[in-house]
C-alpha atoms as a PDB file:
ATOM      1  CA  UNK A   1     -34.940 -70.257  -2.504  1.00  0.00           C
ATOM      2  CA  UNK A   2     -35.666 -68.948   0.980  1.00  0.00           C
ATOM      3  CA  UNK A   3     -32.878 -66.766   2.351  1.00  0.00           C
ATOM      4  CA  UNK A   4     -31.224 -67.581   5.656  1.00  0.00           C
ATOM      5  CA  UNK A   5     -32.236 -64.305   7.301  1.00  0.00           C
ATOM      6  CA  UNK A   6     -33.696 -63.804  10.808  1.00  0.00           C
ATOM      7  CA  UNK A   7     -36.812 -61.712  11.323  1.00  0.00           C
ATOM      8  CA  UNK A   8     -36.370 -57.960  11.132  1.00  0.00           C
ATOM      9  CA  UNK A   9     -38.085 -57.550  14.494  1.00  0.00           C
ATOM     10  CA  UNK A  10     -35.572 -59.870  16.115  1.00  0.00           C
ATOM     11  CA  UNK A  11     -32.634 -58.021  14.564  1.00  0.00           C
ATOM     12  CA  UNK A  12     -33.949 -54.616  15.637  1.00  0.00           C
ATOM     13  CA  UNK A  13     -34.550 -55.889  19.174  1.00  0.00           C
ATOM     14  CA  UNK A  14     -31.062 -57.394  19.293  1.00  0.00           C
ATOM     15  CA  UNK A  15     -29.368 -54.233  17.960  1.00  0.00           C
ATOM     16  CA  UNK A  16     -31.083 -52.070  20.600  1.00  0.00           C
ATOM     17  CA  UNK A  17     -30.323 -54.517  23.416  1.00  0.00           C
ATOM     18  CA  UNK A  18     -26.689 -54.827  22.286  1.00  0.00           C
ATOM     19  CA  UNK A  19     -26.258 -51.051  22.080  1.00  0.00           C
ATOM     20  CA  UNK A  20     -27.611 -50.551  25.612  1.00  0.00           C
ATOM     21  CA  UNK A  21     -26.462 -53.927  26.980  1.00  0.00           C
ATOM     22  CA  UNK A  22     -29.848 -53.930  28.620  1.00  0.00           C
ATOM     23  CA  UNK A  23     -33.117 -55.641  27.703  1.00  0.00           C
ATOM     24  CA  UNK A  24     -35.018 -53.115  29.811  1.00  0.00           C
ATOM     25  CA  UNK A  25     -33.599 -50.066  28.007  1.00  0.00           C
ATOM     26  CA  UNK A  26     -34.130 -51.738  24.617  1.00  0.00           C
ATOM     27  CA  UNK A  27     -37.769 -52.356  25.541  1.00  0.00           C
ATOM     28  CA  UNK A  28     -38.211 -48.714  26.552  1.00  0.00           C
ATOM     29  CA  UNK A  29     -36.625 -47.474  23.295  1.00  0.00           C
ATOM     30  CA  UNK A  30     -38.773 -49.740  21.101  1.00  0.00           C
ATOM     31  CA  UNK A  31     -41.981 -49.348  23.150  1.00  0.00           C
ATOM     32  CA  UNK A  32     -42.124 -53.091  23.827  1.00  0.00           C
ATOM     33  CA  UNK A  33     -42.240 -55.131  27.002  1.00  0.00           C
ATOM     34  CA  UNK A  34     -39.044 -56.588  28.438  1.00  0.00           C
ATOM     35  CA  UNK A  35     -40.577 -60.018  27.918  1.00  0.00           C
ATOM     36  CA  UNK A  36     -41.027 -59.331  24.211  1.00  0.00           C
ATOM     37  CA  UNK A  37     -37.373 -58.329  23.892  1.00  0.00           C
ATOM     38  CA  UNK A  38     -36.293 -61.486  25.719  1.00  0.00           C
ATOM     39  CA  UNK A  39     -38.411 -63.659  23.404  1.00  0.00           C
ATOM     40  CA  UNK A  40     -37.075 -61.965  20.249  1.00  0.00           C
ATOM     41  CA  UNK A  41     -33.457 -62.394  21.297  1.00  0.00           C
ATOM     42  CA  UNK A  42     -34.029 -65.978  22.440  1.00  0.00           C
ATOM     43  CA  UNK A  43     -35.553 -66.783  19.040  1.00  0.00           C
ATOM     44  CA  UNK A  44     -32.592 -65.126  17.317  1.00  0.00           C
ATOM     45  CA  UNK A  45     -30.098 -67.145  19.388  1.00  0.00           C
ATOM     46  CA  UNK A  46     -32.032 -70.328  18.533  1.00  0.00           C
ATOM     47  CA  UNK A  47     -32.028 -69.376  14.837  1.00  0.00           C
ATOM     48  CA  UNK A  48     -28.265 -68.739  14.882  1.00  0.00           C
ATOM     49  CA  UNK A  49     -27.358 -71.569  17.215  1.00  0.00           C
ATOM     50  CA  UNK A  50     -25.143 -69.073  19.048  1.00  0.00           C
ATOM     51  CA  UNK A  51     -25.369 -67.456  22.475  1.00  0.00           C
ATOM     52  CA  UNK A  52     -25.398 -63.653  22.018  1.00  0.00           C
ATOM     53  CA  UNK A  53     -25.755 -62.581  25.659  1.00  0.00           C
ATOM     54  CA  UNK A  54     -24.616 -63.942  28.999  1.00  0.00           C
ATOM     55  CA  UNK A  55     -27.412 -63.565  31.529  1.00  0.00           C
ATOM     56  CA  UNK A  56     -26.838 -63.044  35.250  1.00  0.00           C
ATOM     57  CA  UNK A  57     -28.681 -61.536  38.201  1.00  0.00           C
ATOM     58  CA  UNK A  58     -26.880 -58.248  37.525  1.00  0.00           C
ATOM     59  CA  UNK A  59     -28.088 -58.061  33.931  1.00  0.00           C
ATOM     60  CA  UNK A  60     -26.871 -59.122  30.494  1.00  0.00           C
ATOM     61  CA  UNK A  61     -23.502 -58.834  28.773  1.00  0.00           C
ATOM     62  CA  UNK A  62     -22.626 -59.473  25.134  1.00  0.00           C
ATOM     63  CA  UNK A  63     -20.580 -62.542  24.299  1.00  0.00           C
ATOM     64  CA  UNK A  64     -17.703 -62.202  21.826  1.00  0.00           C
ATOM     65  CA  UNK A  65     -19.961 -63.591  19.103  1.00  0.00           C
ATOM     66  CA  UNK A  66     -22.738 -61.214  20.182  1.00  0.00           C
ATOM     67  CA  UNK A  67     -20.431 -58.190  20.042  1.00  0.00           C
ATOM     68  CA  UNK A  68     -19.161 -59.073  16.568  1.00  0.00           C
ATOM     69  CA  UNK A  69     -22.658 -59.797  15.240  1.00  0.00           C
ATOM     70  CA  UNK A  70     -24.131 -56.635  16.788  1.00  0.00           C
ATOM     71  CA  UNK A  71     -21.643 -54.460  14.901  1.00  0.00           C
ATOM     72  CA  UNK A  72     -22.515 -56.117  11.596  1.00  0.00           C
ATOM     73  CA  UNK A  73     -26.249 -55.940  12.249  1.00  0.00           C
ATOM     74  CA  UNK A  74     -26.033 -52.234  13.203  1.00  0.00           C
ATOM     75  CA  UNK A  75     -24.177 -51.453   9.970  1.00  0.00           C
ATOM     76  CA  UNK A  76     -26.756 -53.274   7.853  1.00  0.00           C
ATOM     77  CA  UNK A  77     -29.724 -51.705   9.640  1.00  0.00           C
ATOM     78  CA  UNK A  78     -28.163 -48.255   9.161  1.00  0.00           C
ATOM     79  CA  UNK A  79     -27.795 -48.994   5.436  1.00  0.00           C
ATOM     80  CA  UNK A  80     -31.419 -50.091   5.144  1.00  0.00           C
ATOM     81  CA  UNK A  81     -32.529 -46.930   6.949  1.00  0.00           C
ATOM     82  CA  UNK A  82     -30.448 -44.713   4.626  1.00  0.00           C
ATOM     83  CA  UNK A  83     -31.852 -46.448   1.548  1.00  0.00           C
ATOM     84  CA  UNK A  84     -35.398 -46.109   2.883  1.00  0.00           C
ATOM     85  CA  UNK A  85     -34.980 -42.398   3.616  1.00  0.00           C
ATOM     86  CA  UNK A  86     -33.443 -41.908   0.180  1.00  0.00           C
ATOM     87  CA  UNK A  87     -36.429 -43.499  -1.564  1.00  0.00           C
ATOM     88  CA  UNK A  88     -38.879 -41.568   0.616  1.00  0.00           C
ATOM     89  CA  UNK A  89     -37.035 -38.309  -0.127  1.00  0.00           C
ATOM     90  CA  UNK A  90     -36.881 -38.732  -3.875  1.00  0.00           C
ATOM     91  CA  UNK A  91     -40.629 -38.824  -4.489  1.00  0.00           C
ATOM     92  CA  UNK A  92     -40.009 -39.368  -8.195  1.00  0.00           C
ATOM     93  CA  UNK A  93     -37.424 -36.593  -8.510  1.00  0.00           C
ATOM     94  CA  UNK A  94     -34.179 -36.823 -10.460  1.00  0.00           C
ATOM     95  CA  UNK A  95     -31.467 -37.399  -7.881  1.00  0.00           C
ATOM     96  CA  UNK A  96     -27.697 -37.358  -8.417  1.00  0.00           C
ATOM     97  CA  UNK A  97     -25.645 -39.147  -5.784  1.00  0.00           C
ATOM     98  CA  UNK A  98     -22.258 -37.414  -5.995  1.00  0.00           C
ATOM     99  CA  UNK A  99     -19.078 -38.520  -4.240  1.00  0.00           C
ATOM    100  CA  UNK A 100     -16.799 -35.544  -3.673  1.00  0.00           C
ATOM    101  CA  UNK A 101     -13.472 -34.826  -2.014  1.00  0.00           C
ATOM    102  CA  UNK A 102     -14.482 -33.006   1.193  1.00  0.00           C
ATOM    103  CA  UNK A 103     -12.754 -29.617   1.159  1.00  0.00           C
ATOM    104  CA  UNK A 104     -13.386 -29.064  -2.553  1.00  0.00           C
ATOM    105  CA  UNK A 105     -17.045 -29.897  -1.998  1.00  0.00           C
ATOM    106  CA  UNK A 106     -17.398 -27.577   0.992  1.00  0.00           C
ATOM    107  CA  UNK A 107     -15.286 -24.630  -0.128  1.00  0.00           C
ATOM    108  CA  UNK A 108     -15.758 -24.538  -3.901  1.00  0.00           C
ATOM    109  CA  UNK A 109     -18.749 -26.609  -5.015  1.00  0.00           C
ATOM    110  CA  UNK A 110     -21.365 -25.917  -2.333  1.00  0.00           C
ATOM    111  CA  UNK A 111     -21.263 -22.100  -2.647  1.00  0.00           C
ATOM    112  CA  UNK A 112     -22.079 -22.528  -6.362  1.00  0.00           C
ATOM    113  CA  UNK A 113     -24.725 -25.261  -6.148  1.00  0.00           C
ATOM    114  CA  UNK A 114     -27.532 -22.774  -5.598  1.00  0.00           C
ATOM    115  CA  UNK A 115     -27.039 -21.635  -9.205  1.00  0.00           C
ATOM    116  CA  UNK A 116     -27.512 -25.200 -10.465  1.00  0.00           C
ATOM    117  CA  UNK A 117     -30.526 -25.607  -8.200  1.00  0.00           C
ATOM    118  CA  UNK A 118     -32.034 -22.445  -9.654  1.00  0.00           C
ATOM    119  CA  UNK A 119     -31.435 -23.571 -13.261  1.00  0.00           C
ATOM    120  CA  UNK A 120     -32.487 -27.186 -12.713  1.00  0.00           C
ATOM    121  CA  UNK A 121     -35.009 -27.316  -9.857  1.00  0.00           C
ATOM    122  CA  UNK A 122     -36.106 -30.776 -10.994  1.00  0.00           C
ATOM    123  CA  UNK A 123     -32.694 -32.276 -10.090  1.00  0.00           C
ATOM    124  CA  UNK A 124     -31.495 -32.931  -6.542  1.00  0.00           C
ATOM    125  CA  UNK A 125     -27.755 -33.298  -5.906  1.00  0.00           C
ATOM    126  CA  UNK A 126     -26.726 -35.248  -2.804  1.00  0.00           C
ATOM    127  CA  UNK A 127     -23.091 -34.963  -1.671  1.00  0.00           C
ATOM    128  CA  UNK A 128     -21.079 -37.627   0.161  1.00  0.00           C
ATOM    129  CA  UNK A 129     -17.421 -37.351   1.163  1.00  0.00           C
ATOM    130  CA  UNK A 130     -14.982 -39.728  -0.507  1.00  0.00           C
ATOM    131  CA  UNK A 131     -11.248 -39.028  -0.526  1.00  0.00           C
ATOM    132  CA  UNK A 132     -10.113 -41.924  -2.721  1.00  0.00           C
ATOM    133  CA  UNK A 133     -11.278 -43.700  -5.905  1.00  0.00           C
ATOM    134  CA  UNK A 134     -13.714 -46.612  -5.608  1.00  0.00           C
ATOM    135  CA  UNK A 135     -15.645 -48.991  -7.839  1.00  0.00           C
ATOM    136  CA  UNK A 136     -18.904 -47.418  -8.998  1.00  0.00           C
ATOM    137  CA  UNK A 137     -20.397 -50.904  -9.323  1.00  0.00           C
ATOM    138  CA  UNK A 138     -20.007 -51.374  -5.559  1.00  0.00           C
ATOM    139  CA  UNK A 139     -21.786 -48.133  -4.631  1.00  0.00           C
ATOM    140  CA  UNK A 140     -24.909 -46.119  -5.396  1.00  0.00           C
ATOM    141  CA  UNK A 141     -22.918 -43.115  -6.651  1.00  0.00           C
ATOM    142  CA  UNK A 142     -23.844 -41.650 -10.023  1.00  0.00           C
ATOM    143  CA  UNK A 143     -20.660 -39.583 -10.380  1.00  0.00           C
ATOM    144  CA  UNK A 144     -17.621 -38.417  -8.434  1.00  0.00           C
ATOM    145  CA  UNK A 145     -15.350 -35.403  -8.130  1.00  0.00           C
ATOM    146  CA  UNK A 146     -11.852 -36.412  -7.160  1.00  0.00           C
ATOM    147  CA  UNK A 147      -8.249 -35.271  -7.435  1.00  0.00           C
ATOM    148  CA  UNK A 148      -5.979 -37.421  -9.570  1.00  0.00           C
ATOM    149  CA  UNK A 149      -4.960 -38.271 -13.111  1.00  0.00           C
ATOM    150  CA  UNK A 150      -8.345 -39.370 -14.557  1.00  0.00           C
ATOM    151  CA  UNK A 151      -7.123 -42.975 -14.767  1.00  0.00           C
ATOM    152  CA  UNK A 152     -10.378 -44.525 -13.570  1.00  0.00           C
ATOM    153  CA  UNK A 153     -11.529 -47.590 -15.464  1.00  0.00           C
ATOM    154  CA  UNK A 154     -15.026 -47.584 -16.948  1.00  0.00           C
ATOM    155  CA  UNK A 155     -15.592 -43.841 -16.575  1.00  0.00           C
ATOM    156  CA  UNK A 156     -15.820 -40.677 -18.640  1.00  0.00           C
ATOM    157  CA  UNK A 157     -13.635 -37.881 -17.238  1.00  0.00           C
ATOM    158  CA  UNK A 158     -14.025 -34.102 -17.370  1.00  0.00           C
ATOM    159  CA  UNK A 159     -11.138 -31.959 -16.143  1.00  0.00           C
ATOM    160  CA  UNK A 160     -12.222 -29.128 -13.859  1.00  0.00           C
ATOM    161  CA  UNK A 161      -9.076 -27.417 -12.548  1.00  0.00           C
ATOM    162  CA  UNK A 162      -5.586 -27.889 -11.233  1.00  0.00           C
ATOM    163  CA  UNK A 163      -4.615 -27.542  -7.603  1.00  0.00           C
ATOM    164  CA  UNK A 164      -1.416 -25.399  -7.427  1.00  0.00           C
ATOM    165  CA  UNK A 165      -0.962 -25.340  -3.629  1.00  0.00           C
ATOM    166  CA  UNK A 166       1.185 -22.663  -1.961  1.00  0.00           C
ATOM    167  CA  UNK A 167       2.866 -22.530   1.467  1.00  0.00           C
ATOM    168  CA  UNK A 168       0.484 -20.875   3.928  1.00  0.00           C
ATOM    169  CA  UNK A 169       0.668 -20.209   7.654  1.00  0.00           C
ATOM    170  CA  UNK A 170      -0.790 -18.018  10.386  1.00  0.00           C
ATOM    171  CA  UNK A 171       0.135 -14.317  10.523  1.00  0.00           C
ATOM    172  CA  UNK A 172       1.811 -15.070  13.864  1.00  0.00           C
ATOM    173  CA  UNK A 173       4.156 -17.594  12.272  1.00  0.00           C
ATOM    174  CA  UNK A 174       4.987 -15.190   9.447  1.00  0.00           C
ATOM    175  CA  UNK A 175       5.681 -12.385  11.911  1.00  0.00           C
ATOM    176  CA  UNK A 176       6.725  -9.052  10.444  1.00  0.00           C
ATOM    177  CA  UNK A 177       8.127 -10.581   7.266  1.00  0.00           C
ATOM    178  CA  UNK A 178       6.342 -10.150   3.952  1.00  0.00           C
ATOM    179  CA  UNK A 179       7.238 -13.697   2.951  1.00  0.00           C
ATOM    180  CA  UNK A 180       9.486 -16.621   3.845  1.00  0.00           C
ATOM    181  CA  UNK A 181      12.283 -18.064   1.737  1.00  0.00           C
ATOM    182  CA  UNK A 182      12.302 -21.829   1.009  1.00  0.00           C
ATOM    183  CA  UNK A 183      15.182 -22.154   3.469  1.00  0.00           C
ATOM    184  CA  UNK A 184      13.197 -20.433   6.217  1.00  0.00           C
ATOM    185  CA  UNK A 185      10.175 -22.595   5.475  1.00  0.00           C
ATOM    186  CA  UNK A 186      12.355 -25.696   5.814  1.00  0.00           C
ATOM    187  CA  UNK A 187      13.067 -24.719   9.427  1.00  0.00           C
ATOM    188  CA  UNK A 188       9.373 -24.625  10.379  1.00  0.00           C
ATOM    189  CA  UNK A 189       7.134 -27.580  11.334  1.00  0.00           C
ATOM    190  CA  UNK A 190       5.831 -28.964   8.015  1.00  0.00           C
ATOM    191  CA  UNK A 191       2.174 -29.956   8.062  1.00  0.00           C
ATOM    192  CA  UNK A 192       1.638 -32.985   5.817  1.00  0.00           C
ATOM    193  CA  UNK A 193      -1.421 -34.192   3.939  1.00  0.00           C
ATOM    194  CA  UNK A 194      -2.126 -37.913   3.946  1.00  0.00           C
ATOM    195  CA  UNK A 195      -3.244 -38.087   0.313  1.00  0.00           C
ATOM    196  CA  UNK A 196      -0.332 -35.915  -0.905  1.00  0.00           C
ATOM    197  CA  UNK A 197       2.579 -37.546   0.996  1.00  0.00           C
ATOM    198  CA  UNK A 198       5.303 -36.169  -1.318  1.00  0.00           C
ATOM    199  CA  UNK A 199       3.952 -32.630  -1.674  1.00  0.00           C
ATOM    200  CA  UNK A 200       6.584 -30.876   0.413  1.00  0.00           C
ATOM    201  CA  UNK A 201       9.394 -32.921  -1.165  1.00  0.00           C
ATOM    202  CA  UNK A 202       8.159 -31.926  -4.631  1.00  0.00           C
ATOM    203  CA  UNK A 203       7.854 -28.284  -3.604  1.00  0.00           C
ATOM    204  CA  UNK A 204      11.386 -28.116  -2.164  1.00  0.00           C
ATOM    205  CA  UNK A 205      12.771 -29.965  -5.201  1.00  0.00           C
ATOM    206  CA  UNK A 206      11.161 -27.359  -7.455  1.00  0.00           C
ATOM    207  CA  UNK A 207      13.196 -24.793  -5.479  1.00  0.00           C
ATOM    208  CA  UNK A 208      16.373 -26.877  -6.023  1.00  0.00           C
ATOM    209  CA  UNK A 209      16.491 -27.858  -2.370  1.00  0.00           C
ATOM    210  CA  UNK A 210      16.952 -31.276  -0.803  1.00  0.00           C
ATOM    211  CA  UNK A 211      15.484 -31.174   2.718  1.00  0.00           C
ATOM    212  CA  UNK A 212      16.023 -34.369   4.792  1.00  0.00           C
ATOM    213  CA  UNK A 213      12.939 -33.726   6.955  1.00  0.00           C
ATOM    214  CA  UNK A 214      10.585 -32.840   4.090  1.00  0.00           C
ATOM    215  CA  UNK A 215       8.276 -35.795   4.860  1.00  0.00           C
ATOM    216  CA  UNK A 216       8.209 -35.384   8.632  1.00  0.00           C
ATOM    217  CA  UNK A 217       5.490 -33.637  10.585  1.00  0.00           C
ATOM    218  CA  UNK A 218       1.878 -34.348  11.594  1.00  0.00           C
ATOM    219  CA  UNK A 219      -0.343 -35.756   8.848  1.00  0.00           C
ATOM    220  CA  UNK A 220      -3.952 -34.757   8.159  1.00  0.00           C
ATOM    221  CA  UNK A 221      -6.305 -36.282   5.618  1.00  0.00           C
ATOM    222  CA  UNK A 222      -8.207 -33.129   4.614  1.00  0.00           C
ATOM    223  CA  UNK A 223      -7.141 -29.653   3.498  1.00  0.00           C
ATOM    224  CA  UNK A 224      -9.646 -28.261   5.988  1.00  0.00           C
ATOM    225  CA  UNK A 225      -7.707 -29.995   8.775  1.00  0.00           C
ATOM    226  CA  UNK A 226      -4.427 -28.605   7.435  1.00  0.00           C
ATOM    227  CA  UNK A 227      -5.930 -25.120   7.381  1.00  0.00           C
ATOM    228  CA  UNK A 228      -7.116 -25.415  10.989  1.00  0.00           C
ATOM    229  CA  UNK A 229      -3.711 -26.667  12.134  1.00  0.00           C
ATOM    230  CA  UNK A 230      -1.965 -23.813  10.303  1.00  0.00           C
ATOM    231  CA  UNK A 231      -4.334 -21.225  11.771  1.00  0.00           C
ATOM    232  CA  UNK A 232      -3.463 -22.503  15.243  1.00  0.00           C
ATOM    233  CA  UNK A 233       0.263 -21.903  14.687  1.00  0.00           C
ATOM    234  CA  UNK A 234       1.065 -25.608  14.462  1.00  0.00           C
ATOM    235  CA  UNK A 235       3.192 -25.208  11.344  1.00  0.00           C
ATOM    236  CA  UNK A 236       3.141 -24.342   7.653  1.00  0.00           C
ATOM    237  CA  UNK A 237       1.000 -26.132   5.073  1.00  0.00           C
ATOM    238  CA  UNK A 238       0.749 -26.521   1.302  1.00  0.00           C
ATOM    239  CA  UNK A 239      -2.853 -25.630   0.418  1.00  0.00           C
ATOM    240  CA  UNK A 240      -4.488 -24.476  -2.846  1.00  0.00           C
ATOM    241  CA  UNK A 241      -5.510 -20.822  -2.289  1.00  0.00           C
ATOM    242  CA  UNK A 242      -8.955 -21.366  -3.835  1.00  0.00           C
ATOM    243  CA  UNK A 243      -9.823 -23.747  -0.977  1.00  0.00           C
ATOM    244  CA  UNK A 244      -9.055 -21.155   1.742  1.00  0.00           C
ATOM    245  CA  UNK A 245     -10.373 -17.925   0.191  1.00  0.00           C
ATOM    246  CA  UNK A 246     -12.264 -16.887   3.338  1.00  0.00           C
ATOM    247  CA  UNK A 247      -9.308 -17.623   5.602  1.00  0.00           C
ATOM    248  CA  UNK A 248      -6.993 -15.579   3.370  1.00  0.00           C
ATOM    249  CA  UNK A 249      -9.470 -12.705   3.056  1.00  0.00           C
ATOM    250  CA  UNK A 250      -9.920 -12.564   6.820  1.00  0.00           C
ATOM    251  CA  UNK A 251      -6.127 -12.800   7.407  1.00  0.00           C
ATOM    252  CA  UNK A 252      -6.498 -15.943   9.456  1.00  0.00           C
ATOM    253  CA  UNK A 253      -4.028 -17.481   7.011  1.00  0.00           C
ATOM    254  CA  UNK A 254      -1.404 -15.769   4.841  1.00  0.00           C
ATOM    255  CA  UNK A 255       0.599 -16.935   1.859  1.00  0.00           C
ATOM    256  CA  UNK A 256       4.160 -17.412   3.080  1.00  0.00           C
ATOM    257  CA  UNK A 257       5.677 -17.912  -0.378  1.00  0.00           C
ATOM    258  CA  UNK A 258       4.039 -17.352  -3.774  1.00  0.00           C
ATOM    259  CA  UNK A 259       5.818 -20.272  -5.456  1.00  0.00           C
ATOM    260  CA  UNK A 260       3.070 -22.772  -6.247  1.00  0.00           C
ATOM    261  CA  UNK A 261       3.525 -26.515  -6.650  1.00  0.00           C
ATOM    262  CA  UNK A 262       2.446 -27.437 -10.156  1.00  0.00           C
ATOM    263  CA  UNK A 263       1.193 -30.930 -10.914  1.00  0.00           C
ATOM    264  CA  UNK A 264      -0.225 -32.876 -13.840  1.00  0.00           C
ATOM    265  CA  UNK A 265      -2.965 -34.073 -11.505  1.00  0.00           C
ATOM    266  CA  UNK A 266      -6.220 -32.148 -11.293  1.00  0.00           C
ATOM    267  CA  UNK A 267      -9.816 -32.195 -10.055  1.00  0.00           C
ATOM    268  CA  UNK A 268     -12.033 -34.253 -12.366  1.00  0.00           C
ATOM    269  CA  UNK A 269     -15.700 -35.052 -12.666  1.00  0.00           C
ATOM    270  CA  UNK A 270     -15.922 -38.801 -13.249  1.00  0.00           C
ATOM    271  CA  UNK A 271     -19.091 -40.370 -14.656  1.00  0.00           C
ATOM    272  CA  UNK A 272     -19.456 -44.138 -15.128  1.00  0.00           C
ATOM    273  CA  UNK A 273     -19.882 -45.022 -18.797  1.00  0.00           C
ATOM    274  CA  UNK A 274     -23.226 -46.686 -18.141  1.00  0.00           C
ATOM    275  CA  UNK A 275     -24.660 -43.356 -16.921  1.00  0.00           C
ATOM    276  CA  UNK A 276     -23.253 -40.852 -19.414  1.00  0.00           C
ATOM    277  CA  UNK A 277     -26.604 -40.639 -21.235  1.00  0.00           C
ATOM    278  CA  UNK A 278     -28.502 -39.610 -18.105  1.00  0.00           C
ATOM    279  CA  UNK A 279     -30.230 -36.272 -18.774  1.00  0.00           C
ATOM    280  CA  UNK A 280     -29.770 -35.041 -15.187  1.00  0.00           C
ATOM    281  CA  UNK A 281     -26.069 -35.976 -15.210  1.00  0.00           C
ATOM    282  CA  UNK A 282     -25.578 -34.260 -18.572  1.00  0.00           C
ATOM    283  CA  UNK A 283     -27.134 -31.097 -17.170  1.00  0.00           C
ATOM    284  CA  UNK A 284     -24.924 -31.257 -14.067  1.00  0.00           C
ATOM    285  CA  UNK A 285     -21.814 -32.033 -16.134  1.00  0.00           C
ATOM    286  CA  UNK A 286     -22.368 -29.099 -18.481  1.00  0.00           C
ATOM    287  CA  UNK A 287     -23.074 -26.733 -15.607  1.00  0.00           C
ATOM    288  CA  UNK A 288     -20.064 -27.876 -13.562  1.00  0.00           C
ATOM    289  CA  UNK A 289     -17.613 -27.713 -16.469  1.00  0.00           C
ATOM    290  CA  UNK A 290     -18.876 -24.218 -17.302  1.00  0.00           C
ATOM    291  CA  UNK A 291     -18.449 -23.137 -13.661  1.00  0.00           C
ATOM    292  CA  UNK A 292     -14.891 -24.471 -13.614  1.00  0.00           C
ATOM    293  CA  UNK A 293     -14.020 -22.749 -16.902  1.00  0.00           C
ATOM    294  CA  UNK A 294     -15.383 -19.435 -15.625  1.00  0.00           C
ATOM    295  CA  UNK A 295     -13.395 -19.795 -12.405  1.00  0.00           C
ATOM    296  CA  UNK A 296     -10.210 -20.664 -14.303  1.00  0.00           C
ATOM    297  CA  UNK A 297     -10.628 -17.557 -16.491  1.00  0.00           C
ATOM    298  CA  UNK A 298     -11.146 -15.403 -13.393  1.00  0.00           C
ATOM    299  CA  UNK A 299      -8.018 -16.841 -11.807  1.00  0.00           C
END
């Protein structure tokens, strides 16, 4: 059955014209004549039975339908380009597409990946940020590193490490004190993390305190954002020390209280059951688990 899909040339011409809201600029970008762009878009409008641009003496302007369609087309063309570059880049190599929570990937995993690369030069590991669970069947990911409870249907889980965040702030906020009591911390602006909305409440409860404003304060999705906000004296944050080693070593951040928040949740490597027999994934799994065990022993 023939698919109801316009020509690729027409879609590319339309996407460029929509982005610039100019047939002339689209023609210059694509090295075509303005007439060719006009013909491609006219044929696309005829195919769709929808007007995509309003023409006037002053130029062209997207219709509501044109604006909506241009966004969808741009997304799909971007996806095709990514897939094409991925295939071109693989050249027959073993590639692992890994979804990873951002700060963990940047601060802990990336500094260690060179060791895996050295031991397994035949395997390429690509990293993509994902902060929440997803369905592997809906993506091209081969595995994921995420923080949670390992309750992920259709996967094999491997525990890497706990989080154990501590209150941290800038040296300026700490002042001349060696540390801050829970009561003193409660008086400061509390920086919140979007994916850990109850973190401060749990921390204060572990100190036998009930703080009415424990869930108030600006929210940031990533630990790296929390760290930046804390370094700029915007408040105090709960961050795992292993994610801010450089900041602590350089005294850009200091631990305000050594009481850590313990949790049953942890960082896990999740592999879909249909891929557990992959030789490249087995090699990566064994290496990563060994790295995590060595780090846990050091800590």
